[in-house]
Amino acid sequence: MEHVQKNIPFQYIDTKPSPNKNRKHAIVIGGLLAARVLADAFERVTIIERDHYPDTPSPRAGAPQSHHFHYLLQRGFLILSALFPTLTLDLKALGTLAVIPTTPPFVSIYAHKKVFNGPTNREVFFIEPVKIEWRLYRQLIRRPEIHIRTNWEVTELIATTTQEQAQIRVTGIQIRARGPEARIDRLNADLVVDASGRNSQLLIWLEERHFALPSEERIASGLGYATRYYKKPEHVNVAWYMMRVHSAAPHIPRSGALSTIMPGIWQVTVSGMAGNYPPTDEAGFRQWLRNLVSPDLYNVLQNAEPISPIRGFRLPKRFCTMPSHCCSRITQQKWSKQWLPVLSTDNLRVF
């Protein structure tokens, strides 16, 4: 879902390849947007993806969080639209619900108050996240400078020692085909970007090549989701398109959200923090909704018809992050479901 809050101008500066001998080939491990940005600065960009992209907009194994509620802010949508100029038309062609609300379209419910946000004088898009990723993928495979190798996984980094400064630098990767043959291939590159997210093996690869490891920051997370789709009851007449019931941490670390993703279809996601994972069984899911700080979401679903199973997604209780200066020629991006990192080819860093 994309929420336009206010009109903030944005212009993407297209940085065409400069006459730089080190800007011929870039490799991106699992990142469509990073590849799109790098395509303006490198002659060739290769994306390494562990699984296969479907022929139609549907969830894939490499993006298990795609079943769940996402909230893309205006700045992120403006950046996407600048990088992919036909994105709006493409999403509408997929049946995206696009409206210009005349009444407050968003309801935010807290422990002691209810806030109605809007209306806006601009289009608001309600869409399943998987449709956005699928459209970006379809546009990228049409670009001659971008190559996507699916069903391959990175096994190690290729590194050499420079003669000028006697320093070790990454010059490529070794990959292995996923399947019974398990073929091995080696790819050379001027830049390697790791955008594989929380399952990245970057620390292991760095240690194998005797790079000094960065300090780790361990953060208690324990974040989990459970999502189900509902058919909106015909007799329910509400002016809003989205309702969000916020948590009241630390006493009530649970929240829930309902979003209209297409006419007559609701997506409902509940979440918990610090190891309070929402259940995926029928009785437990309903009880979780009942135990939110407000009964509004539970009540509005009383006569709604479930049209999907309950799908869960859990993050471990602990995960680690790393600083951007871990290596001069490697960048790791930690993707967030709410914030869109922008990769600058002149100053690579973690956002």
Foldseek 3Di string as FASTA:
>chain_A
DEDEADDDDDADDQQAADPDPLAAEEEEEPDLQVQLNSVRHYQAYEYEAQADDDPDLDDDPLCQCLLADFYEYPVRVVVVCNSPVCLVVQCVVVQKDKDQAPFQAEWEAELPDIDGDDRHRGIDTFARPSSSVNVSVVVQVPDPRYHYDYQKDFDAFDWDQDPVPRHIDTFWTWIFGHDDVRDIDIDGHSFYEYASAQPDPVQVRCVVVVADAFDKDKDFWWKKKKKFKWFQDPVDDDSYAKYKYQADPPVGQKIKMWGNGHVRMIMIMIMGTRNPYQDQDDVRNLVSCCPGSDVVVSVSCPPIGTDDGMDMDTDDRMGIDGFFVSDPRYGYEHDDSHDDDDADPVDGTYD
